[in-house]
Protein backbone atom coordinates (compact mmCIF):
# COMPACT_ATOMS: atom_id res chain seq x y z
CA MET A 1 24.25 -49.05 -5.15
CA THR A 2 25.00 -51.18 -8.19
CA ARG A 3 26.77 -50.12 -11.36
CA ARG A 4 24.60 -48.84 -14.20
CA ILE A 5 24.36 -50.48 -17.59
CA HIS A 6 22.02 -49.81 -20.49
CA ILE A 7 19.96 -52.28 -22.50
CA GLY A 8 19.23 -50.11 -25.47
CA ALA A 9 17.76 -46.95 -23.95
CA VAL A 10 16.68 -48.72 -20.74
CA PRO A 11 18.97 -48.01 -17.75
CA VAL A 12 19.55 -50.92 -15.37
CA GLY A 13 21.19 -50.46 -11.98
CA GLY A 14 22.78 -47.40 -10.47
CA GLY A 15 19.53 -46.22 -8.91
CA ALA A 16 17.48 -46.49 -12.11
CA PRO A 17 13.84 -47.60 -11.72
CA VAL A 18 13.46 -51.38 -11.57
CA SER A 19 12.69 -52.53 -15.11
CA VAL A 20 10.41 -55.36 -16.19
CA GLN A 21 11.48 -58.08 -18.59
CA SER A 22 9.81 -61.04 -20.24
CA MET A 23 10.60 -63.58 -22.95
CA THR A 24 8.76 -64.54 -26.11
CA ASN A 25 7.66 -68.15 -26.59
CA THR A 26 7.27 -67.87 -30.36
CA LYS A 27 9.82 -69.17 -32.85
CA THR A 28 12.33 -66.39 -33.46
CA THR A 29 12.34 -67.33 -37.13
CA ASP A 30 8.65 -66.35 -37.28
CA THR A 31 8.89 -62.58 -37.59
CA PRO A 32 5.15 -61.68 -37.57
CA ALA A 33 4.31 -63.90 -34.59
CA THR A 34 7.34 -62.77 -32.60
CA LEU A 35 6.71 -59.08 -33.27
CA ALA A 36 3.05 -59.47 -32.34
CA GLN A 37 4.06 -60.95 -29.01
CA ILE A 38 6.73 -58.31 -28.38
CA ARG A 39 4.18 -55.57 -29.02
CA ALA A 40 1.70 -57.23 -26.67
CA LEU A 41 4.38 -57.46 -23.97
CA ALA A 42 5.35 -53.81 -24.47
CA ALA A 43 1.71 -52.75 -24.27
CA ALA A 44 1.40 -54.66 -20.98
CA GLY A 45 4.38 -52.77 -19.55
CA ALA A 46 7.52 -54.73 -20.46
CA ASP A 47 10.64 -52.59 -20.76
CA VAL A 48 12.86 -55.30 -22.28
CA VAL A 49 12.07 -58.56 -24.09
CA ARG A 50 14.31 -61.61 -24.52
CA LEU A 51 14.29 -63.97 -27.51
CA ALA A 52 15.54 -67.53 -27.78
CA VAL A 53 18.32 -67.92 -30.36
CA PRO A 54 18.85 -71.68 -30.67
CA ASP A 55 20.36 -71.78 -34.16
CA ARG A 56 21.78 -69.82 -37.07
CA ALA A 57 18.41 -69.22 -38.70
CA ALA A 58 17.07 -67.58 -35.54
CA ALA A 59 20.20 -65.44 -35.18
CA GLU A 60 20.05 -64.25 -38.78
CA ASN A 61 16.41 -63.27 -38.41
CA LEU A 62 16.99 -61.02 -35.41
CA GLY A 63 17.60 -57.91 -37.48
CA ALA A 64 14.13 -58.03 -39.03
CA ILE A 65 12.65 -58.16 -35.53
CA VAL A 66 14.99 -55.62 -33.92
CA ARG A 67 14.21 -52.99 -36.54
CA GLN A 68 10.48 -53.12 -35.75
CA SER A 69 10.51 -53.76 -32.01
CA PRO A 70 9.12 -51.05 -29.68
CA VAL A 71 11.47 -52.16 -26.86
CA PRO A 72 15.11 -53.30 -26.61
CA LEU A 73 15.69 -57.00 -27.24
CA VAL A 74 18.01 -59.52 -25.60
CA ALA A 75 19.35 -62.62 -27.39
CA ASP A 76 19.42 -65.80 -25.30
CA ILE A 77 22.51 -67.76 -26.37
CA HIS A 78 23.81 -71.15 -25.28
CA PHE A 79 27.01 -72.96 -26.26
CA ASP A 80 27.65 -71.53 -29.75
CA TYR A 81 29.63 -68.29 -29.68
CA ARG A 82 28.89 -67.72 -33.38
CA LEU A 83 25.24 -67.13 -32.52
CA ALA A 84 26.28 -64.35 -30.16
CA LEU A 85 28.43 -62.74 -32.85
CA GLU A 86 25.58 -62.90 -35.35
CA ALA A 87 23.12 -61.48 -32.82
CA ILE A 88 25.42 -58.50 -32.29
CA ARG A 89 25.71 -58.00 -36.05
CA GLN A 90 21.92 -58.06 -36.28
CA GLY A 91 21.65 -55.17 -33.81
CA ILE A 92 20.57 -56.94 -30.61
CA ALA A 93 20.60 -54.70 -27.50
CA ALA A 94 22.01 -57.28 -25.06
CA LEU A 95 23.14 -60.89 -24.71
CA ARG A 96 22.23 -63.53 -22.18
CA LEU A 97 25.02 -66.12 -22.08
CA ASN A 98 27.59 -67.73 -19.83
CA PRO A 99 31.13 -67.22 -21.15
CA GLY A 100 32.25 -70.50 -19.64
CA ASN A 101 30.03 -72.58 -21.92
CA ILE A 102 30.52 -70.94 -25.32
CA GLY A 103 34.01 -72.29 -25.99
CA GLY A 104 37.62 -71.47 -25.15
CA GLU A 105 39.28 -68.14 -24.46
CA GLU A 106 39.62 -67.22 -28.13
CA LYS A 107 35.87 -67.60 -28.72
CA VAL A 108 34.95 -65.70 -25.57
CA ARG A 109 37.34 -62.91 -26.52
CA ALA A 110 35.72 -62.64 -29.96
CA VAL A 111 32.30 -62.15 -28.35
CA VAL A 112 33.64 -59.69 -25.76
CA GLU A 113 35.38 -57.57 -28.38
CA ALA A 114 32.26 -57.48 -30.55
CA ALA A 115 30.05 -56.64 -27.55
CA LYS A 116 32.40 -53.86 -26.48
CA ALA A 117 32.46 -52.34 -29.95
CA ALA A 118 28.67 -52.42 -30.20
CA GLY A 119 27.94 -51.34 -26.60
CA VAL A 120 26.10 -54.60 -25.93
CA PRO A 121 25.93 -55.69 -22.27
CA ILE A 122 25.99 -59.33 -21.22
CA ARG A 123 23.81 -61.05 -18.63
CA ILE A 124 25.44 -63.93 -16.84
CA GLY A 125 22.62 -66.29 -15.98
CA VAL A 126 23.18 -69.11 -13.51
CA ASN A 127 20.47 -71.71 -12.97
CA ALA A 128 20.36 -74.11 -10.03
CA GLY A 129 19.24 -76.90 -12.34
CA SER A 130 22.31 -76.71 -14.58
CA LEU A 131 25.26 -76.16 -12.25
CA ASP A 132 28.69 -77.46 -13.20
CA ARG A 133 29.39 -80.99 -11.93
CA GLU A 134 32.51 -79.86 -10.11
CA LEU A 135 30.50 -77.37 -8.09
CA LEU A 136 27.85 -79.96 -7.31
CA ARG A 137 30.57 -82.31 -6.06
CA LYS A 138 32.13 -79.52 -4.01
CA TYR A 139 28.92 -78.37 -2.33
CA GLY A 140 26.89 -81.58 -2.52
CA ALA A 141 23.82 -79.80 -3.85
CA PRO A 142 22.73 -76.56 -5.57
CA THR A 143 23.43 -74.24 -2.63
CA ALA A 144 23.51 -70.45 -2.55
CA GLU A 145 27.30 -70.61 -2.31
CA ALA A 146 27.46 -72.87 -5.37
CA LEU A 147 25.28 -70.51 -7.42
CA VAL A 148 27.38 -67.51 -6.44
CA GLU A 149 30.66 -69.28 -7.16
CA SER A 150 29.38 -70.37 -10.56
CA ALA A 151 28.39 -66.81 -11.45
CA LEU A 152 31.68 -65.41 -10.21
CA GLN A 153 33.62 -67.85 -12.38
CA HIS A 154 31.88 -66.38 -15.43
CA VAL A 155 32.29 -62.83 -14.12
CA ARG A 156 36.04 -63.28 -13.69
CA ILE A 157 36.37 -64.48 -17.30
CA LEU A 158 34.84 -61.23 -18.55
CA GLU A 159 36.69 -59.05 -16.05
CA ALA A 160 39.99 -60.59 -17.17
CA MET A 161 39.16 -59.23 -20.63
CA ASP A 162 38.37 -55.81 -19.15
CA PHE A 163 34.65 -56.20 -19.76
CA ARG A 164 32.35 -54.95 -17.00
CA ASP A 165 29.18 -54.12 -18.89
CA MET A 166 27.23 -56.97 -17.32
CA LYS A 167 24.45 -58.00 -14.98
CA ILE A 168 23.88 -61.25 -13.10
CA SER A 169 21.01 -63.62 -12.38
CA LEU A 170 20.99 -66.54 -9.94
CA LYS A 171 17.76 -68.44 -10.45
CA ALA A 172 16.18 -71.46 -8.81
CA HIS A 173 12.62 -72.71 -8.45
CA ASP A 174 13.21 -72.89 -4.69
CA VAL A 175 12.41 -69.53 -3.10
CA PRO A 176 14.63 -69.73 0.03
CA LEU A 177 17.59 -70.85 -2.11
CA THR A 178 17.05 -67.96 -4.51
CA LEU A 179 16.80 -65.45 -1.68
CA ALA A 180 20.01 -66.71 -0.07
CA ALA A 181 21.91 -66.67 -3.37
CA TYR A 182 20.94 -63.11 -4.28
CA ARG A 183 21.64 -61.84 -0.77
CA LEU A 184 25.10 -63.37 -0.89
CA MET A 185 25.82 -62.09 -4.39
CA SER A 186 24.72 -58.57 -3.49
CA GLN A 187 27.52 -58.53 -0.91
CA ARG A 188 30.13 -59.75 -3.39
CA VAL A 189 29.68 -57.61 -6.51
CA GLU A 190 28.42 -54.21 -7.65
CA TYR A 191 26.96 -55.46 -10.92
CA PRO A 192 23.20 -55.05 -11.45
CA LEU A 193 21.12 -58.05 -10.43
CA HIS A 194 18.36 -59.56 -12.56
CA LEU A 195 15.78 -61.15 -10.23
CA GLY A 196 13.52 -64.10 -10.89
CA ILE A 197 12.23 -67.42 -9.62
CA THR A 198 12.87 -69.77 -12.52
CA GLU A 199 10.42 -72.48 -13.54
CA ALA A 200 7.97 -71.00 -11.04
CA GLY A 201 5.08 -72.93 -12.61
CA THR A 202 1.64 -71.99 -13.83
CA PRO A 203 0.05 -68.68 -12.79
CA LYS A 204 -1.83 -70.44 -9.99
CA SER A 205 1.33 -71.25 -8.02
CA GLY A 206 4.00 -69.34 -9.89
CA VAL A 207 2.53 -65.93 -9.12
CA ILE A 208 2.80 -66.61 -5.40
CA LYS A 209 6.36 -67.94 -5.57
CA SER A 210 7.47 -65.03 -7.73
CA ALA A 211 5.77 -62.40 -5.59
CA VAL A 212 7.29 -63.80 -2.41
CA GLY A 213 10.79 -64.29 -3.81
CA ILE A 214 11.13 -61.21 -5.99
CA GLY A 215 9.16 -59.02 -3.59
CA ALA A 216 11.26 -60.00 -0.57
CA LEU A 217 14.50 -59.10 -2.34
CA LEU A 218 13.18 -55.83 -3.74
CA ALA A 219 11.92 -54.87 -0.28
CA GLU A 220 15.51 -55.31 0.95
CA GLY A 221 16.83 -53.07 -1.80
CA ILE A 222 18.24 -55.95 -3.85
CA GLY A 223 17.50 -56.16 -7.56
CA ASP A 224 17.62 -53.87 -10.58
CA THR A 225 15.44 -55.66 -13.15
CA ILE A 226 12.94 -58.51 -12.83
CA ARG A 227 11.36 -61.26 -14.86
CA VAL A 228 8.41 -63.33 -13.59
CA SER A 229 8.69 -66.79 -15.17
CA LEU A 230 5.31 -68.45 -15.71
CA THR A 231 4.08 -71.26 -17.90
CA GLY A 232 1.81 -69.88 -20.63
CA ASP A 233 1.17 -66.46 -22.09
CA PRO A 234 4.15 -64.20 -21.23
CA VAL A 235 1.88 -61.15 -21.10
CA VAL A 236 0.71 -62.49 -17.72
CA GLU A 237 4.34 -62.36 -16.54
CA VAL A 238 4.52 -58.66 -17.27
CA ARG A 239 1.25 -57.88 -15.52
CA VAL A 240 2.37 -59.79 -12.42
CA ALA A 241 5.77 -58.09 -12.44
CA ASN A 242 4.14 -54.68 -12.58
CA GLU A 243 1.82 -55.59 -9.72
CA ILE A 244 4.83 -56.64 -7.63
CA LEU A 245 6.51 -53.30 -8.30
CA LYS A 246 3.29 -51.37 -7.65
CA SER A 247 2.72 -53.15 -4.34
CA LEU A 248 6.16 -52.03 -3.14
CA GLY A 249 5.73 -48.47 -4.38
CA LEU A 250 8.46 -48.98 -6.99
CA ARG A 251 6.33 -48.26 -10.06
CA GLU A 252 3.26 -46.27 -10.91
CA TYR A 253 1.49 -48.09 -13.70
CA GLY A 254 -2.19 -48.45 -14.34
CA PRO A 255 -4.97 -48.82 -11.80
CA THR A 256 -4.71 -50.41 -8.37
CA LEU A 257 -7.89 -52.15 -7.23
CA ILE A 258 -8.70 -52.08 -3.51
CA SER A 259 -11.37 -54.60 -2.64
CA CYS A 260 -12.51 -55.78 0.78
CA PRO A 261 -12.64 -59.52 1.56
CA THR A 262 -16.40 -59.44 2.39
CA CYS A 263 -18.00 -60.34 5.71
CA GLY A 264 -21.44 -60.90 7.21
CA ARG A 265 -22.34 -57.24 6.66
CA THR A 266 -21.99 -57.57 2.88
CA SER A 267 -25.33 -57.58 1.11
CA ILE A 268 -24.24 -57.20 -2.54
CA ASP A 269 -22.47 -59.61 -4.88
CA LEU A 270 -19.10 -58.03 -4.20
CA PRO A 271 -16.93 -60.70 -5.93
CA ALA A 272 -18.86 -60.27 -9.18
CA ILE A 273 -18.76 -56.48 -8.97
CA ALA A 274 -15.04 -56.45 -8.17
CA ALA A 275 -14.34 -58.79 -11.09
CA GLU A 276 -16.32 -56.57 -13.47
CA VAL A 277 -14.51 -53.45 -12.26
CA GLU A 278 -11.11 -55.14 -12.60
CA ALA A 279 -11.90 -56.22 -16.16
CA ARG A 280 -13.03 -52.71 -17.16
CA LEU A 281 -9.93 -51.13 -15.59
CA ASP A 282 -7.69 -53.26 -17.78
CA GLY A 283 -7.47 -50.72 -20.60
CA ILE A 284 -6.45 -47.78 -18.38
CA LYS A 285 -2.74 -46.96 -18.26
CA GLU A 286 -2.74 -44.00 -15.85
CA PRO A 287 -2.02 -44.62 -12.15
CA LEU A 288 -5.35 -44.75 -10.32
CA SER A 289 -6.56 -46.33 -7.08
CA VAL A 290 -10.10 -47.69 -7.18
CA ALA A 291 -11.95 -49.17 -4.21
CA VAL A 292 -14.80 -51.68 -4.30
CA MET A 293 -16.13 -52.06 -0.76
CA GLY A 294 -18.95 -54.15 0.59
CA CYS A 295 -20.13 -51.99 3.47
CA VAL A 296 -21.60 -48.49 3.34
CA VAL A 297 -20.89 -48.04 7.05
CA ASN A 298 -17.11 -48.55 6.97
CA GLY A 299 -16.26 -48.72 3.26
CA PRO A 300 -15.57 -45.06 2.45
CA GLY A 301 -13.52 -44.60 5.60
CA GLU A 302 -11.51 -47.81 5.18
CA ALA A 303 -10.72 -46.85 1.58
CA ARG A 304 -10.28 -43.13 2.15
CA GLU A 305 -6.94 -43.12 0.30
CA ALA A 306 -8.52 -44.44 -2.90
CA ASP A 307 -8.95 -41.92 -5.69
CA VAL A 308 -12.50 -43.12 -6.28
CA GLY A 309 -14.64 -45.97 -5.03
CA ILE A 310 -18.00 -47.53 -4.35
CA ALA A 311 -19.45 -49.08 -1.21
CA GLY A 312 -22.45 -51.37 -1.41
CA GLY A 313 -25.44 -51.55 0.89
CA LYS A 314 -28.78 -53.35 0.60
CA GLY A 315 -30.23 -52.45 -2.79
CA GLU A 316 -28.10 -49.32 -3.06
CA GLY A 317 -24.59 -48.01 -2.52
CA LEU A 318 -22.32 -45.01 -2.30
CA VAL A 319 -19.91 -43.44 -4.74
CA PHE A 320 -16.99 -41.65 -3.09
CA ARG A 321 -13.70 -39.89 -3.75
CA LYS A 322 -10.88 -39.92 -1.21
CA GLY A 323 -13.35 -41.05 1.45
CA GLU A 324 -15.79 -38.23 0.74
CA ILE A 325 -19.27 -39.47 -0.24
CA LEU A 326 -20.47 -37.99 -3.53
CA ARG A 327 -23.88 -39.61 -3.96
CA LYS A 328 -26.08 -42.59 -3.27
CA VAL A 329 -27.11 -44.74 -6.26
CA PRO A 330 -29.12 -47.95 -6.84
CA GLU A 331 -27.10 -51.16 -6.56
CA GLY A 332 -27.52 -51.91 -10.28
CA ALA A 333 -25.95 -48.57 -11.19
CA LEU A 334 -22.89 -48.82 -8.94
CA VAL A 335 -20.38 -49.89 -11.58
CA THR A 336 -21.73 -47.47 -14.18
CA GLU A 337 -21.53 -44.58 -11.75
CA LEU A 338 -18.08 -45.64 -10.62
CA PHE A 339 -16.73 -45.46 -14.17
CA ARG A 340 -18.53 -42.21 -14.79
CA GLU A 341 -16.53 -40.82 -11.87
CA ILE A 342 -13.30 -42.46 -13.10
CA ASP A 343 -13.75 -40.90 -16.53
CA ALA A 344 -14.35 -37.50 -14.95
CA LEU A 345 -11.29 -37.82 -12.72
CA LEU A 346 -9.01 -38.82 -15.59
CA ALA A 347 -10.36 -35.97 -17.73
CA GLU A 348 -9.59 -33.52 -14.93
CA ARG A 349 -6.03 -34.82 -14.63
CA ARG A 350 -5.42 -34.59 -18.37
CA ALA A 351 -6.80 -31.05 -18.49
CA ALA A 352 -4.52 -30.03 -15.62
CA ALA A 353 -1.42 -31.64 -17.11
CA PRO A 354 1.16 -29.19 -18.49
């Protein structure tokens, strides 16, 4: 088990639930736009949000954002230790930086002392695309061993200053390389690990790479917090991250849609119905499993574990709960009747809640 740290009130490591992170793509100097995106990310299920801090103006504006944010915020710092100091003064919950690239020992010590005093943890983030030249010469390429050695160099700098409130990421766009690096690092340290496939691409390809890479590590018990990196709206990152956790039984959040792949027995427009159901489920936050099946013969039985579902036949279909058929309805009323049952089920749960 890894050590536990806290990003604001969010525990990371030490057996805590795997948390979901994302990063804004707004200008950090634009308070309204950045807060709007943070709130959207939090509503989608993000536990922690990271902000780019490229200059003094961005660092000095952090306080205005921190004070209104619904979730803890992390400042992403490169090269200039003064930005890290200002971010701490502005009340940031955590830092993402590499102590080896923010200046000499005196500058690193200044950041470490300020972070200690404020209870601000540091994420050491190593990227395969920006490894030190000496390591590239030593290993000949961005290998798992090179990524781990790079991270450990930064770790040792902080440990030498008696700072251990940290977590580590080892990211690459190559999935096998990322898997090998995290597996190796998990054997070398007890610090929490932040998982991700960096520069994974657009949702079309990036979702697959992220699900395979992050999911494989989580299934092995490796990883304490995750960020899915996709080009575009970061809210999509959070939704994908939550789906990865849900698929592994690591998080209960919102509905899970069970939908059969269709076959020659299907006589309804199942893809259209499933898409409509998925869209209407989007606003529900409670855990709920919903089945949309194309066959009245096998559908209820195949989806017997679903809380509620529908199974289509020719011109009509069935509404069922936990595999038990409730009623037969016309095909055109299937979705309406399904959500009538969902509303009833959620009302029952809320009434029974203490």
